[in-house]
Amino acid sequence: MDYVSALVPPVVMAVFFVGLVVTIVKSQGGPNKAKEDAAVDAALARAESGPQAGRDN
């Protein structure tokens, strides 16, 4: 029975990892993709224009 107790933690971790990957793959795209892309684009635009906008020298 020692082999069962030795195999349970890796099997449980593998099941959770597969569930995590499936969740990530399913959340890509879909109706929220445009909102997520717009949010990332806005954050990148702020990061790129932020330091130059504050300089009045």
C-alpha atoms as a PDB file:
ATOM      1  CA  MET A   1       0.000   0.000   0.000  1.00  0.00           C
ATOM      2  CA  ASP A   2       3.011   2.293   0.191  1.00  0.00           C
ATOM      3  CA  TYR A   3       2.946   2.653  -3.568  1.00  0.00           C
ATOM      4  CA  VAL A   4      -0.575   4.092  -3.409  1.00  0.00           C
ATOM      5  CA  SER A   5       0.466   6.784  -0.923  1.00  0.00           C
ATOM      6  CA  ALA A   6       3.514   7.508  -3.073  1.00  0.00           C
ATOM      7  CA  LEU A   7       1.438   7.923  -6.262  1.00  0.00           C
ATOM      8  CA  VAL A   8      -1.460   9.976  -4.892  1.00  0.00           C
ATOM      9  CA  PRO A   9       0.297  13.390  -4.630  1.00  0.00           C
ATOM     10  CA  PRO A  10       1.683  13.347  -8.216  1.00  0.00           C
ATOM     11  CA  VAL A  11      -1.643  12.190  -9.608  1.00  0.00           C
ATOM     12  CA  VAL A  12      -3.514  14.913  -7.731  1.00  0.00           C
ATOM     13  CA  MET A  13      -1.043  17.543  -8.929  1.00  0.00           C
ATOM     14  CA  ALA A  14      -1.345  16.270 -12.509  1.00  0.00           C
ATOM     15  CA  VAL A  15      -5.139  16.478 -12.382  1.00  0.00           C
ATOM     16  CA  PHE A  16      -5.038  20.055 -11.062  1.00  0.00           C
ATOM     17  CA  PHE A  17      -2.416  21.026 -13.650  1.00  0.00           C
ATOM     18  CA  VAL A  18      -4.509  19.620 -16.495  1.00  0.00           C
ATOM     19  CA  GLY A  19      -7.528  21.479 -15.116  1.00  0.00           C
ATOM     20  CA  LEU A  20      -5.522  24.702 -14.984  1.00  0.00           C
ATOM     21  CA  VAL A  21      -4.331  24.307 -18.577  1.00  0.00           C
ATOM     22  CA  VAL A  22      -7.854  23.529 -19.778  1.00  0.00           C
ATOM     23  CA  THR A  23      -9.191  26.596 -17.966  1.00  0.00           C
ATOM     24  CA  ILE A  24      -6.509  28.831 -19.481  1.00  0.00           C
ATOM     25  CA  VAL A  25      -7.128  27.486 -22.985  1.00  0.00           C
ATOM     26  CA  LYS A  26     -10.893  27.883 -22.668  1.00  0.00           C
ATOM     27  CA  SER A  27     -10.566  31.456 -21.406  1.00  0.00           C
ATOM     28  CA  GLN A  28      -8.557  32.517 -24.457  1.00  0.00           C
ATOM     29  CA  GLY A  29     -10.670  34.197 -27.091  1.00  0.00           C
ATOM     30  CA  GLY A  30     -14.407  34.313 -26.810  1.00  0.00           C
ATOM     31  CA  PRO A  31     -16.500  37.384 -26.037  1.00  0.00           C
ATOM     32  CA  ASN A  32     -13.966  38.860 -23.592  1.00  0.00           C
ATOM     33  CA  LYS A  33     -11.045  38.747 -26.021  1.00  0.00           C
ATOM     34  CA  ALA A  34     -11.737  42.203 -27.469  1.00  0.00           C
ATOM     35  CA  LYS A  35     -11.994  43.747 -23.980  1.00  0.00           C
ATOM     36  CA  GLU A  36      -8.792  42.068 -22.821  1.00  0.00           C
ATOM     37  CA  ASP A  37      -6.928  43.115 -25.957  1.00  0.00           C
ATOM     38  CA  ALA A  38      -8.175  46.694 -25.591  1.00  0.00           C
ATOM     39  CA  ALA A  39      -7.085  46.784 -21.942  1.00  0.00           C
ATOM     40  CA  VAL A  40      -3.608  45.513 -22.820  1.00  0.00           C
ATOM     41  CA  ASP A  41      -3.296  47.984 -25.701  1.00  0.00           C
ATOM     42  CA  ALA A  42      -4.339  50.861 -23.431  1.00  0.00           C
ATOM     43  CA  ALA A  43      -1.850  49.819 -20.743  1.00  0.00           C
ATOM     44  CA  LEU A  44       0.955  49.576 -23.296  1.00  0.00           C
ATOM     45  CA  ALA A  45       0.063  52.988 -24.721  1.00  0.00           C
ATOM     46  CA  ARG A  46       0.120  54.519 -21.217  1.00  0.00           C
ATOM     47  CA  ALA A  47       3.455  52.874 -20.449  1.00  0.00           C
ATOM     48  CA  GLU A  48       5.001  54.120 -23.682  1.00  0.00           C
ATOM     49  CA  SER A  49       3.677  57.674 -23.472  1.00  0.00           C
ATOM     50  CA  GLY A  50       3.829  58.115 -19.691  1.00  0.00           C
ATOM     51  CA  PRO A  51       7.428  59.306 -19.129  1.00  0.00           C
ATOM     52  CA  GLN A  52       7.428  61.746 -22.064  1.00  0.00           C
ATOM     53  CA  ALA A  53       4.089  63.332 -21.106  1.00  0.00           C
ATOM     54  CA  GLY A  54       5.320  64.477 -17.683  1.00  0.00           C
ATOM     55  CA  ARG A  55       8.381  66.374 -18.909  1.00  0.00           C
ATOM     56  CA  ASP A  56       7.999  70.122 -19.418  1.00  0.00           C
ATOM     57  CA  ASN A  57      11.713  71.019 -19.658  1.00  0.00           C
END
